[in-house]
Amino acid sequence: MSKCSGLHCPGCGDGGGGLVVVLVVLAVAGAIIHAIWHTLVEVAEITAFTVLGIAGLAALAGLGYAVMRVRASIARPRQQAAPKAVIIASTITRQPPAIAPPQRASWPLPGTWEEIRPDTDRRTS
């Protein structure tokens, strides 16, 4: 009689050992999911709000683009109907100003040197 190493016939292998392993793995996975359930829910909420925010921003940008296109299409016929500007060049002769500008002066003004006393004594300054 040949020895069978598979689980395909009765009496081969350990029988119910595979089912127990599967149940233990499912129980451990369930315990881990139960332990981190609130974190998973928060991550899902953050992801959903981020996606909704990006979608809202994209919709707002699209709406703004559509408004600008409509404004441009309305303004285009007005610009075409407007008369062209004619520029006539002419020379303008400059008149001297009615009041002469003040002369360039540097500080101190002339005549004020006598009023400025240099402070060379470091003990009193």
Protein backbone atom coordinates (compact mmCIF):
# COMPACT_ATOMS: atom_id res chain seq x y z
CA MET A 1 0.00 0.00 0.00
CA SER A 2 1.37 3.42 -0.94
CA LYS A 3 1.51 6.22 1.53
CA CYS A 4 -0.57 9.28 0.44
CA SER A 5 0.72 12.72 1.46
CA GLY A 6 -2.30 14.79 0.37
CA LEU A 7 -5.68 15.58 1.88
CA HIS A 8 -7.71 14.15 -1.00
CA CYS A 9 -8.62 10.80 0.53
CA PRO A 10 -10.02 9.90 3.94
CA GLY A 11 -7.40 9.14 6.50
CA CYS A 12 -4.65 11.07 4.69
CA GLY A 13 -2.89 13.99 6.36
CA ASP A 14 -4.17 15.43 9.62
CA GLY A 15 -7.75 15.97 8.46
CA GLY A 16 -9.12 18.98 10.40
CA GLY A 17 -5.83 20.74 11.15
CA GLY A 18 -6.07 23.04 8.12
CA LEU A 19 -9.52 24.24 9.16
CA VAL A 20 -8.28 25.10 12.64
CA VAL A 21 -5.37 27.09 11.21
CA VAL A 22 -7.73 29.02 8.93
CA LEU A 23 -10.06 29.79 11.86
CA VAL A 24 -7.16 30.95 14.05
CA VAL A 25 -5.85 33.22 11.27
CA LEU A 26 -9.34 34.67 10.74
CA ALA A 27 -9.74 35.22 14.50
CA VAL A 28 -6.38 37.01 14.73
CA ALA A 29 -7.20 39.15 11.66
CA GLY A 30 -10.58 40.01 13.18
CA ALA A 31 -8.95 40.99 16.48
CA ILE A 32 -6.43 43.23 14.69
CA ILE A 33 -9.16 44.90 12.63
CA HIS A 34 -11.27 45.38 15.77
CA ALA A 35 -8.29 46.94 17.57
CA ILE A 36 -7.54 49.44 14.80
CA TRP A 37 -11.10 49.99 13.59
CA HIS A 38 -11.31 53.64 14.71
CA THR A 39 -7.99 54.41 13.05
CA LEU A 40 -9.18 52.82 9.81
CA VAL A 41 -12.40 54.84 9.95
CA GLU A 42 -10.46 58.08 10.55
CA VAL A 43 -8.11 57.33 7.66
CA ALA A 44 -11.11 56.64 5.41
CA GLU A 45 -12.75 59.92 6.50
CA ILE A 46 -9.57 61.93 5.93
CA THR A 47 -9.15 60.34 2.51
CA ALA A 48 -12.78 61.02 1.59
CA PHE A 49 -12.62 64.66 2.71
CA THR A 50 -9.33 65.17 0.86
CA VAL A 51 -10.77 63.74 -2.35
CA LEU A 52 -13.92 65.84 -1.96
CA GLY A 53 -11.84 68.97 -1.30
CA ILE A 54 -9.70 68.41 -4.37
CA ALA A 55 -12.78 67.70 -6.47
CA GLY A 56 -14.46 70.87 -5.16
CA LEU A 57 -11.36 72.93 -5.88
CA ALA A 58 -11.17 71.50 -9.40
CA ALA A 59 -14.86 72.27 -9.95
CA LEU A 60 -14.38 75.83 -8.70
CA ALA A 61 -11.36 76.31 -10.97
CA GLY A 62 -13.32 74.92 -13.91
CA LEU A 63 -16.21 77.25 -13.17
CA GLY A 64 -13.84 80.22 -12.99
CA TYR A 65 -12.27 79.19 -16.30
CA ALA A 66 -15.72 78.91 -17.91
CA VAL A 67 -16.69 82.37 -16.61
CA MET A 68 -13.49 83.88 -18.01
CA ARG A 69 -14.10 82.23 -21.39
CA VAL A 70 -17.66 83.61 -21.50
CA ARG A 71 -16.41 87.10 -20.60
CA ALA A 72 -13.77 86.91 -23.30
CA SER A 73 -16.29 85.77 -25.91
CA ILE A 74 -18.61 88.64 -24.96
CA ALA A 75 -15.79 91.21 -25.02
CA ARG A 76 -14.36 90.02 -28.36
CA PRO A 77 -17.14 91.49 -30.57
CA ARG A 78 -16.96 94.78 -28.67
CA GLN A 79 -13.22 95.03 -29.29
CA GLN A 80 -13.65 94.34 -32.99
CA ALA A 81 -16.35 97.00 -33.32
CA ALA A 82 -14.32 99.66 -31.49
CA PRO A 83 -12.68 102.26 -33.76
CA LYS A 84 -8.96 102.02 -34.20
CA ALA A 85 -6.92 104.60 -32.36
CA VAL A 86 -5.04 107.09 -34.53
CA ILE A 87 -1.86 108.45 -33.03
CA ILE A 88 -0.68 111.80 -34.35
CA ALA A 89 2.87 112.69 -33.47
CA SER A 90 3.60 116.27 -32.71
CA THR A 91 6.47 118.07 -31.12
CA ILE A 92 5.81 119.95 -27.94
CA THR A 93 7.98 122.89 -27.10
CA ARG A 94 8.81 123.12 -23.45
CA GLN A 95 8.25 126.39 -21.72
CA PRO A 96 10.55 127.25 -18.85
CA PRO A 97 8.83 126.73 -15.49
CA ALA A 98 7.14 129.73 -13.90
CA ILE A 99 9.16 129.20 -10.71
CA ALA A 100 12.79 128.24 -11.01
CA PRO A 101 13.75 125.08 -9.15
CA PRO A 102 15.93 125.51 -6.07
CA GLN A 103 19.66 125.23 -6.48
CA ARG A 104 21.30 122.03 -5.40
CA ALA A 105 22.44 122.41 -1.84
CA SER A 106 24.40 120.15 0.37
CA TRP A 107 24.31 119.99 4.11
CA PRO A 108 25.16 122.12 5.94
CA LEU A 109 23.91 125.06 4.02
CA PRO A 110 26.32 127.88 3.32
CA GLY A 111 26.44 130.31 6.23
CA THR A 112 25.50 127.73 8.88
CA TRP A 113 29.00 126.46 9.67
CA GLU A 114 29.29 128.94 12.51
CA GLU A 115 26.24 127.46 14.23
CA ILE A 116 27.64 123.92 14.18
CA ARG A 117 29.98 123.26 17.05
CA PRO A 118 31.91 120.05 16.71
CA ASP A 119 31.83 117.92 19.85
CA THR A 120 35.33 116.58 20.22
CA ASP A 121 35.23 116.04 23.97
CA ARG A 122 34.24 112.37 24.46
CA ARG A 123 33.67 112.80 28.19
CA THR A 124 30.59 114.96 27.71
CA SER A 125 29.03 113.22 24.77
